[in-house]
Amino acid sequence: SMKKLYKPDLTESQATTLVVQALYDAADDDSAT
């Protein structure tokens, strides 16, 4: 998920949104997340 969304010039707000997106995607496919 992060590989598709990450950019070196992210703001702090965008970076926090990115990690939440990544956790959402992990929970979609991993029952332990």
Full PDB file with SEQRES, HELIX, SHEET, SSBOND, CRYST1, ORIGX, SCALE, CONECT and MASTER records, all heavy atoms in Angstrom:
SEQRES   1 A   33  SER MET LYS LYS LEU TYR LYS PRO ASP LEU THR GLU SER          
SEQRES   2 A   33  GLN ALA THR THR LEU VAL VAL GLN ALA LEU TYR ASP ALA          
SEQRES   3 A   33  ALA ASP ASP ASP SER ALA THR                                  
HELIX    1 AA1 MET A    2  LEU A    5  1                                   4    
HELIX    2 AA2 GLU A   12  ASP A   29  1                                  18    
CRYST1    1.000    1.000    1.000  90.00  90.00  90.00 P 1           1          
ORIGX1      1.000000  0.000000  0.000000        0.00000                         
ORIGX2      0.000000  1.000000  0.000000        0.00000                         
ORIGX3      0.000000  0.000000  1.000000        0.00000                         
SCALE1      1.000000  0.000000  0.000000        0.00000                         
SCALE2      0.000000  1.000000  0.000000        0.00000                         
SCALE3      0.000000  0.000000  1.000000        0.00000                         
ATOM      1  N   SER A   1       0.826  -1.203   0.000  1.00  0.00           N  
ATOM      2  CA  SER A   1       0.000   0.000   0.000  1.00  0.00           C  
ATOM      3  C   SER A   1       0.862   1.256   0.000  1.00  0.00           C  
ATOM      4  O   SER A   1       0.641   2.187  -0.777  1.00  0.00           O  
ATOM      5  CB  SER A   1      -0.916  -0.005   1.225  1.00  0.00           C  
ATOM      6  OG  SER A   1      -1.656   1.188   1.319  1.00  0.00           O  
ATOM      7  N   MET A   2       1.874   1.269   0.861  1.00  0.00           N  
ATOM      8  CA  MET A   2       2.730   2.455   0.965  1.00  0.00           C  
ATOM      9  C   MET A   2       3.578   2.649  -0.283  1.00  0.00           C  
ATOM     10  O   MET A   2       3.897   3.783  -0.662  1.00  0.00           O  
ATOM     11  CB  MET A   2       3.610   2.356   2.212  1.00  0.00           C  
ATOM     12  CG  MET A   2       2.829   2.480   3.508  1.00  0.00           C  
ATOM     13  SD  MET A   2       3.872   2.654   4.981  1.00  0.00           S  
ATOM     14  CE  MET A   2       4.519   0.982   5.084  1.00  0.00           C  
ATOM     15  N   LYS A   3       3.944   1.535  -0.911  1.00  0.00           N  
ATOM     16  CA  LYS A   3       4.744   1.632  -2.140  1.00  0.00           C  
ATOM     17  C   LYS A   3       4.005   2.411  -3.217  1.00  0.00           C  
ATOM     18  O   LYS A   3       4.613   3.159  -3.997  1.00  0.00           O  
ATOM     19  CB  LYS A   3       5.078   0.222  -2.633  1.00  0.00           C  
ATOM     20  CG  LYS A   3       5.998   0.178  -3.834  1.00  0.00           C  
ATOM     21  CD  LYS A   3       6.346  -1.255  -4.205  1.00  0.00           C  
ATOM     22  CE  LYS A   3       7.295  -1.300  -5.384  1.00  0.00           C  
ATOM     23  NZ  LYS A   3       7.655  -2.709  -5.740  1.00  0.00           N  
ATOM     24  N   LYS A   4       2.697   2.253  -3.270  1.00  0.00           N  
ATOM     25  CA  LYS A   4       1.896   2.957  -4.275  1.00  0.00           C  
ATOM     26  C   LYS A   4       1.656   4.422  -3.910  1.00  0.00           C  
ATOM     27  O   LYS A   4       1.498   5.270  -4.794  1.00  0.00           O  
ATOM     28  CB  LYS A   4       0.538   2.259  -4.440  1.00  0.00           C  
ATOM     29  CG  LYS A   4       0.621   0.813  -4.915  1.00  0.00           C  
ATOM     30  CD  LYS A   4       1.165   0.715  -6.323  1.00  0.00           C  
ATOM     31  CE  LYS A   4       1.142  -0.727  -6.812  1.00  0.00           C  
ATOM     32  NZ  LYS A   4       1.729  -0.844  -8.172  1.00  0.00           N  
ATOM     33  N   LEU A   5       1.607   4.718  -2.621  1.00  0.00           N  
ATOM     34  CA  LEU A   5       1.192   6.044  -2.183  1.00  0.00           C  
ATOM     35  C   LEU A   5       2.320   6.958  -1.728  1.00  0.00           C  
ATOM     36  O   LEU A   5       2.148   8.182  -1.670  1.00  0.00           O  
ATOM     37  CB  LEU A   5       0.186   5.916  -1.035  1.00  0.00           C  
ATOM     38  CG  LEU A   5      -1.152   5.254  -1.364  1.00  0.00           C  
ATOM     39  CD1 LEU A   5      -1.933   5.007  -0.084  1.00  0.00           C  
ATOM     40  CD2 LEU A   5      -1.949   6.125  -2.305  1.00  0.00           C  
ATOM     41  N   TYR A   6       3.470   6.385  -1.392  1.00  0.00           N  
ATOM     42  CA  TYR A   6       4.530   7.185  -0.770  1.00  0.00           C  
ATOM     43  C   TYR A   6       5.188   8.155  -1.758  1.00  0.00           C  
ATOM     44  O   TYR A   6       5.452   7.814  -2.909  1.00  0.00           O  
ATOM     45  CB  TYR A   6       5.607   6.289  -0.166  1.00  0.00           C  
ATOM     46  CG  TYR A   6       6.711   7.080   0.493  1.00  0.00           C  
ATOM     47  CD1 TYR A   6       6.523   7.644   1.743  1.00  0.00           C  
ATOM     48  CD2 TYR A   6       7.916   7.301  -0.168  1.00  0.00           C  
ATOM     49  CE1 TYR A   6       7.519   8.402   2.341  1.00  0.00           C  
ATOM     50  CE2 TYR A   6       8.917   8.060   0.419  1.00  0.00           C  
ATOM     51  CZ  TYR A   6       8.711   8.606   1.675  1.00  0.00           C  
ATOM     52  OH  TYR A   6       9.698   9.364   2.258  1.00  0.00           O  
ATOM     53  N   LYS A   7       5.465   9.353  -1.266  1.00  0.00           N  
ATOM     54  CA  LYS A   7       6.226  10.359  -2.007  1.00  0.00           C  
ATOM     55  C   LYS A   7       7.215  11.003  -1.038  1.00  0.00           C  
ATOM     56  O   LYS A   7       6.885  11.208   0.142  1.00  0.00           O  
ATOM     57  CB  LYS A   7       5.301  11.438  -2.572  1.00  0.00           C  
ATOM     58  CG  LYS A   7       4.279  10.939  -3.589  1.00  0.00           C  
ATOM     59  CD  LYS A   7       3.435  12.091  -4.123  1.00  0.00           C  
ATOM     60  CE  LYS A   7       2.585  12.683  -2.998  1.00  0.00           C  
ATOM     61  NZ  LYS A   7       1.698  13.782  -3.492  1.00  0.00           N  
ATOM     62  N   PRO A   8       8.420  11.307  -1.491  1.00  0.00           N  
ATOM     63  CA  PRO A   8       9.423  11.870  -0.580  1.00  0.00           C  
ATOM     64  C   PRO A   8       9.032  13.220   0.018  1.00  0.00           C  
ATOM     65  O   PRO A   8       9.543  13.598   1.069  1.00  0.00           O  
ATOM     66  CB  PRO A   8      10.673  12.007  -1.468  1.00  0.00           C  
ATOM     67  CG  PRO A   8      10.459  11.059  -2.593  1.00  0.00           C  
ATOM     68  CD  PRO A   8       8.978  11.042  -2.829  1.00  0.00           C  
ATOM     69  N   ASP A   9       8.145  13.950  -0.644  1.00  0.00           N  
ATOM     70  CA  ASP A   9       7.801  15.293  -0.190  1.00  0.00           C  
ATOM     71  C   ASP A   9       6.476  15.361   0.562  1.00  0.00           C  
ATOM     72  O   ASP A   9       5.802  16.393   0.581  1.00  0.00           O  
ATOM     73  CB  ASP A   9       7.767  16.261  -1.371  1.00  0.00           C  
ATOM     74  CG  ASP A   9       6.738  15.844  -2.436  1.00  0.00           C  
ATOM     75  OD1 ASP A   9       6.234  14.706  -2.361  1.00  0.00           O  
ATOM     76  OD2 ASP A   9       6.456  16.667  -3.331  1.00  0.00           O  
ATOM     77  N   LEU A  10       6.077  14.264   1.200  1.00  0.00           N  
ATOM     78  CA  LEU A  10       4.840  14.259   1.974  1.00  0.00           C  
ATOM     79  C   LEU A  10       4.903  15.263   3.117  1.00  0.00           C  
ATOM     80  O   LEU A  10       5.961  15.488   3.719  1.00  0.00           O  
ATOM     81  CB  LEU A  10       4.592  12.870   2.577  1.00  0.00           C  
ATOM     82  CG  LEU A  10       4.266  11.709   1.636  1.00  0.00           C  
ATOM     83  CD1 LEU A  10       4.194  10.415   2.434  1.00  0.00           C  
ATOM     84  CD2 LEU A  10       2.960  11.959   0.893  1.00  0.00           C  
ATOM     85  N   THR A  11       3.777  15.862   3.428  1.00  0.00           N  
ATOM     86  CA  THR A  11       3.686  16.675   4.638  1.00  0.00           C  
ATOM     87  C   THR A  11       3.449  15.745   5.826  1.00  0.00           C  
ATOM     88  O   THR A  11       3.173  14.552   5.665  1.00  0.00           O  
ATOM     89  CB  THR A  11       2.521  17.670   4.540  1.00  0.00           C  
ATOM     90  OG1 THR A  11       1.285  16.926   4.476  1.00  0.00           O  
ATOM     91  CG2 THR A  11       2.645  18.547   3.301  1.00  0.00           C  
ATOM     92  N   GLU A  12       3.558  16.293   7.023  1.00  0.00           N  
ATOM     93  CA  GLU A  12       3.297  15.485   8.219  1.00  0.00           C  
ATOM     94  C   GLU A  12       1.871  14.936   8.192  1.00  0.00           C  
ATOM     95  O   GLU A  12       1.637  13.767   8.515  1.00  0.00           O  
ATOM     96  CB  GLU A  12       3.515  16.318   9.479  1.00  0.00           C  
ATOM     97  CG  GLU A  12       3.238  15.563  10.769  1.00  0.00           C  
ATOM     98  CD  GLU A  12       3.420  16.420  12.007  1.00  0.00           C  
ATOM     99  OE1 GLU A  12       4.349  17.255  12.022  1.00  0.00           O  
ATOM    100  OE2 GLU A  12       2.628  16.272  12.964  1.00  0.00           O  
ATOM    101  N   SER A  13       0.915  15.754   7.807  1.00  0.00           N  
ATOM    102  CA  SER A  13      -0.476  15.327   7.740  1.00  0.00           C  
ATOM    103  C   SER A  13      -0.663  14.196   6.729  1.00  0.00           C  
ATOM    104  O   SER A  13      -1.366  13.217   6.986  1.00  0.00           O  
ATOM    105  CB  SER A  13      -1.367  16.515   7.376  1.00  0.00           C  
ATOM    106  OG  SER A  13      -2.708  16.119   7.210  1.00  0.00           O  
ATOM    107  N   GLN A  14      -0.022  14.330   5.572  1.00  0.00           N  
ATOM    108  CA  GLN A  14      -0.136  13.284   4.554  1.00  0.00           C  
ATOM    109  C   GLN A  14       0.532  11.989   5.007  1.00  0.00           C  
ATOM    110  O   GLN A  14       0.049  10.899   4.708  1.00  0.00           O  
ATOM    111  CB  GLN A  14       0.486  13.778   3.248  1.00  0.00           C  
ATOM    112  CG  GLN A  14      -0.313  14.860   2.553  1.00  0.00           C  
ATOM    113  CD  GLN A  14       0.408  15.421   1.342  1.00  0.00           C  
ATOM    114  OE1 GLN A  14       1.631  15.513   1.308  1.00  0.00           O  
ATOM    115  NE2 GLN A  14      -0.348  15.810   0.325  1.00  0.00           N  
ATOM    116  N   ALA A  15       1.632  12.101   5.745  1.00  0.00           N  
ATOM    117  CA  ALA A  15       2.331  10.906   6.227  1.00  0.00           C  
ATOM    118  C   ALA A  15       1.475  10.149   7.243  1.00  0.00           C  
ATOM    119  O   ALA A  15       1.431   8.910   7.232  1.00  0.00           O  
ATOM    120  CB  ALA A  15       3.671  11.295   6.839  1.00  0.00           C  
ATOM    121  N   THR A  16       0.786  10.887   8.126  1.00  0.00           N  
ATOM    122  CA  THR A  16      -0.087  10.211   9.096  1.00  0.00           C  
ATOM    123  C   THR A  16      -1.265   9.534   8.394  1.00  0.00           C  
ATOM    124  O   THR A  16      -1.680   8.441   8.771  1.00  0.00           O  
ATOM    125  CB  THR A  16      -0.602  11.199  10.151  1.00  0.00           C  
ATOM    126  OG1 THR A  16      -1.247  12.299   9.509  1.00  0.00           O  
ATOM    127  CG2 THR A  16       0.538  11.717  11.007  1.00  0.00           C  
ATOM    128  N   THR A  17      -1.778  10.183   7.361  1.00  0.00           N  
ATOM    129  CA  THR A  17      -2.860   9.572   6.584  1.00  0.00           C  
ATOM    130  C   THR A  17      -2.353   8.330   5.853  1.00  0.00           C  
ATOM    131  O   THR A  17      -3.050   7.313   5.777  1.00  0.00           O  
ATOM    132  CB  THR A  17      -3.430  10.571   5.563  1.00  0.00           C  
ATOM    133  OG1 THR A  17      -3.908  11.727   6.248  1.00  0.00           O  
ATOM    134  CG2 THR A  17      -4.578   9.962   4.777  1.00  0.00           C  
ATOM    135  N   LEU A  18      -1.139   8.387   5.342  1.00  0.00           N  
ATOM    136  CA  LEU A  18      -0.543   7.258   4.633  1.00  0.00           C  
ATOM    137  C   LEU A  18      -0.452   6.018   5.510  1.00  0.00           C  
ATOM    138  O   LEU A  18      -0.822   4.916   5.080  1.00  0.00           O  
ATOM    139  CB  LEU A  18       0.851   7.647   4.140  1.00  0.00           C  
ATOM    140  CG  LEU A  18       1.718   6.517   3.566  1.00  0.00           C  
ATOM    141  CD1 LEU A  18       1.129   5.990   2.270  1.00  0.00           C  
ATOM    142  CD2 LEU A  18       3.146   6.988   3.356  1.00  0.00           C  
ATOM    143  N   VAL A  19       0.019   6.171   6.764  1.00  0.00           N  
ATOM    144  CA  VAL A  19       0.175   4.996   7.621  1.00  0.00           C  
ATOM    145  C   VAL A  19      -1.176   4.403   8.002  1.00  0.00           C  
ATOM    146  O   VAL A  19      -1.314   3.184   8.154  1.00  0.00           O  
ATOM    147  CB  VAL A  19       1.024   5.320   8.879  1.00  0.00           C  
ATOM    148  CG1 VAL A  19       2.444   5.693   8.478  1.00  0.00           C  
ATOM    149  CG2 VAL A  19       0.395   6.410   9.735  1.00  0.00           C  
ATOM    150  N   VAL A  20      -2.185   5.259   8.155  1.00  0.00           N  
ATOM    151  CA  VAL A  20      -3.531   4.738   8.435  1.00  0.00           C  
ATOM    152  C   VAL A  20      -4.067   3.968   7.238  1.00  0.00           C  
ATOM    153  O   VAL A  20      -4.664   2.896   7.380  1.00  0.00           O  
ATOM    154  CB  VAL A  20      -4.490   5.888   8.832  1.00  0.00           C  
ATOM    155  CG1 VAL A  20      -5.930   5.376   8.935  1.00  0.00           C  
ATOM    156  CG2 VAL A  20      -4.067   6.512  10.149  1.00  0.00           C  
ATOM    157  N   GLN A  21      -3.836   4.490   6.028  1.00  0.00           N  
ATOM    158  CA  GLN A  21      -4.224   3.776   4.810  1.00  0.00           C  
ATOM    159  C   GLN A  21      -3.554   2.405   4.768  1.00  0.00           C  
ATOM    160  O   GLN A  21      -4.180   1.392   4.410  1.00  0.00           O  
ATOM    161  CB  GLN A  21      -3.814   4.588   3.565  1.00  0.00           C  
ATOM    162  CG  GLN A  21      -4.619   5.845   3.333  1.00  0.00           C  
ATOM    163  CD  GLN A  21      -5.942   5.551   2.621  1.00  0.00           C  
ATOM    164  OE1 GLN A  21      -6.425   4.426   2.609  1.00  0.00           O  
ATOM    165  NE2 GLN A  21      -6.528   6.569   2.043  1.00  0.00           N  
ATOM    166  N   ALA A  22      -2.270   2.363   5.099  1.00  0.00           N  
ATOM    167  CA  ALA A  22      -1.520   1.107   5.059  1.00  0.00           C  
ATOM    168  C   ALA A  22      -2.069   0.101   6.063  1.00  0.00           C  
ATOM    169  O   ALA A  22      -2.179  -1.101   5.768  1.00  0.00           O  
ATOM    170  CB  ALA A  22      -0.043   1.378   5.322  1.00  0.00           C  
ATOM    171  N   LEU A  23      -2.425   0.563   7.252  1.00  0.00           N  
ATOM    172  CA  LEU A  23      -2.986  -0.338   8.259  1.00  0.00           C  
ATOM    173  C   LEU A  23      -4.367  -0.842   7.839  1.00  0.00           C  
ATOM    174  O   LEU A  23      -4.732  -1.993   8.094  1.00  0.00           O  
ATOM    175  CB  LEU A  23      -3.066   0.370   9.618  1.00  0.00           C  
ATOM    176  CG  LEU A  23      -1.720   0.646  10.296  1.00  0.00           C  
ATOM    177  CD1 LEU A  23      -1.912   1.491  11.547  1.00  0.00           C  
ATOM    178  CD2 LEU A  23      -1.015  -0.665  10.649  1.00  0.00           C  
ATOM    179  N   TYR A  24      -5.142   0.019   7.194  1.00  0.00           N  
ATOM    180  CA  TYR A  24      -6.437  -0.396   6.654  1.00  0.00           C  
ATOM    181  C   TYR A  24      -6.244  -1.532   5.648  1.00  0.00           C  
ATOM    182  O   TYR A  24      -6.945  -2.550   5.682  1.00  0.00           O  
ATOM    183  CB  TYR A  24      -7.110   0.783   5.948  1.00  0.00           C  
ATOM    184  CG  TYR A  24      -8.311   1.364   6.661  1.00  0.00           C  
ATOM    185  CD1 TYR A  24      -8.291   2.656   7.157  1.00  0.00           C  
ATOM    186  CD2 TYR A  24      -9.483   0.617   6.816  1.00  0.00           C  
ATOM    187  CE1 TYR A  24      -9.394   3.202   7.796  1.00  0.00           C  
ATOM    188  CE2 TYR A  24     -10.588   1.153   7.446  1.00  0.00           C  
ATOM    189  CZ  TYR A  24     -10.538   2.446   7.941  1.00  0.00           C  
ATOM    190  OH  TYR A  24     -11.641   2.979   8.564  1.00  0.00           O  
ATOM    191  N   ASP A  25      -5.293  -1.359   4.721  1.00  0.00           N  
ATOM    192  CA  ASP A  25      -5.050  -2.370   3.698  1.00  0.00           C  
ATOM    193  C   ASP A  25      -4.538  -3.672   4.300  1.00  0.00           C  
ATOM    194  O   ASP A  25      -4.899  -4.762   3.862  1.00  0.00           O  
ATOM    195  CB  ASP A  25      -4.058  -1.847   2.658  1.00  0.00           C  
ATOM    196  CG  ASP A  25      -4.736  -0.960   1.628  1.00  0.00           C  
ATOM    197  OD1 ASP A  25      -5.972  -0.879   1.649  1.00  0.00           O  
ATOM    198  OD2 ASP A  25      -4.025  -0.338   0.814  1.00  0.00           O  
ATOM    199  N   ALA A  26      -3.670  -3.560   5.316  1.00  0.00           N  
ATOM    200  CA  ALA A  26      -3.171  -4.761   5.976  1.00  0.00           C  
ATOM    201  C   ALA A  26      -4.303  -5.520   6.649  1.00  0.00           C  
ATOM    202  O   ALA A  26      -4.380  -6.752   6.583  1.00  0.00           O  
ATOM    203  CB  ALA A  26      -2.097  -4.382   6.996  1.00  0.00           C  
ATOM    204  N   ALA A  27      -5.218  -4.777   7.301  1.00  0.00           N  
ATOM    205  CA  ALA A  27      -6.346  -5.423   7.985  1.00  0.00           C  
ATOM    206  C   ALA A  27      -7.304  -6.085   6.997  1.00  0.00           C  
ATOM    207  O   ALA A  27      -7.978  -7.058   7.345  1.00  0.00           O  
ATOM    208  CB  ALA A  27      -7.096  -4.395   8.830  1.00  0.00           C  
ATOM    209  N   ASP A  28      -7.356  -5.571   5.761  1.00  0.00           N  
ATOM    210  CA  ASP A  28      -8.220  -6.172   4.740  1.00  0.00           C  
ATOM    211  C   ASP A  28      -7.807  -7.598   4.406  1.00  0.00           C  
ATOM    212  O   ASP A  28      -8.650  -8.444   4.095  1.00  0.00           O  
ATOM    213  CB  ASP A  28      -8.182  -5.335   3.454  1.00  0.00           C  
ATOM    214  CG  ASP A  28      -9.149  -4.158   3.511  1.00  0.00           C  
ATOM    215  OD1 ASP A  28      -9.983  -4.136   4.426  1.00  0.00           O  
ATOM    216  OD2 ASP A  28      -9.044  -3.276   2.642  1.00  0.00           O  
ATOM    217  N   ASP A  29      -6.495  -7.868   4.452  1.00  0.00           N  
ATOM    218  CA  ASP A  29      -5.993  -9.163   3.986  1.00  0.00           C  
ATOM    219  C   ASP A  29      -5.314 -10.011   5.051  1.00  0.00           C  
ATOM    220  O   ASP A  29      -4.989 -11.168   4.800  1.00  0.00           O  
ATOM    221  CB  ASP A  29      -5.005  -8.942   2.830  1.00  0.00           C  
ATOM    222  CG  ASP A  29      -5.687  -8.363   1.601  1.00  0.00           C  
ATOM    223  OD1 ASP A  29      -6.491  -9.080   0.998  1.00  0.00           O  
ATOM    224  OD2 ASP A  29      -5.422  -7.195   1.269  1.00  0.00           O  
ATOM    225  N   ASP A  30      -5.080  -9.451   6.228  1.00  0.00           N  
ATOM    226  CA  ASP A  30      -4.419 -10.192   7.307  1.00  0.00           C  
ATOM    227  C   ASP A  30      -5.323 -10.220   8.531  1.00  0.00           C  
ATOM    228  O   ASP A  30      -5.618  -9.178   9.111  1.00  0.00           O  
ATOM    229  CB  ASP A  30      -3.080  -9.530   7.644  1.00  0.00           C  
ATOM    230  CG  ASP A  30      -2.405 -10.191   8.834  1.00  0.00           C  
ATOM    231  OD1 ASP A  30      -2.391 -11.440   8.885  1.00  0.00           O  
ATOM    232  OD2 ASP A  30      -1.911  -9.464   9.711  1.00  0.00           O  
ATOM    233  N   SER A  31      -5.757 -11.407   8.917  1.00  0.00           N  
ATOM    234  CA  SER A  31      -6.713 -11.524  10.030  1.00  0.00           C  
ATOM    235  C   SER A  31      -6.099 -11.131  11.370  1.00  0.00           C  
ATOM    236  O   SER A  31      -6.824 -10.815  12.314  1.00  0.00           O  
ATOM    237  CB  SER A  31      -7.247 -12.958  10.109  1.00  0.00           C  
ATOM    238  OG  SER A  31      -6.195 -13.878  10.363  1.00  0.00           O  
ATOM    239  N   ALA A  32      -4.766 -11.147  11.471  1.00  0.00           N  
ATOM    240  CA  ALA A  32      -4.118 -10.798  12.738  1.00  0.00           C  
ATOM    241  C   ALA A  32      -3.950  -9.298  12.912  1.00  0.00           C  
ATOM    242  O   ALA A  32      -3.548  -8.834  13.974  1.00  0.00           O  
ATOM    243  CB  ALA A  32      -2.752 -11.481  12.829  1.00  0.00           C  
ATOM    244  N   THR A  33      -4.244  -8.528  11.875  1.00  0.00           N  
ATOM    245  CA  THR A  33      -4.146  -7.076  11.947  1.00  0.00           C  
ATOM    246  C   THR A  33      -5.538  -6.491  12.152  1.00  0.00           C  
ATOM    247  O   THR A  33      -6.454  -6.787  11.393  1.00  0.00           O  
ATOM    248  CB  THR A  33      -3.529  -6.495  10.659  1.00  0.00           C  
ATOM    249  OG1 THR A  33      -2.246  -7.076  10.450  1.00  0.00           O  
ATOM    250  CG2 THR A  33      -3.387  -4.990  10.763  1.00  0.00           C  
TER     251      THR A  33                                                      
MASTER        0    0    0    2    0    0    0    6  250    1    0    3          
END                                                                             
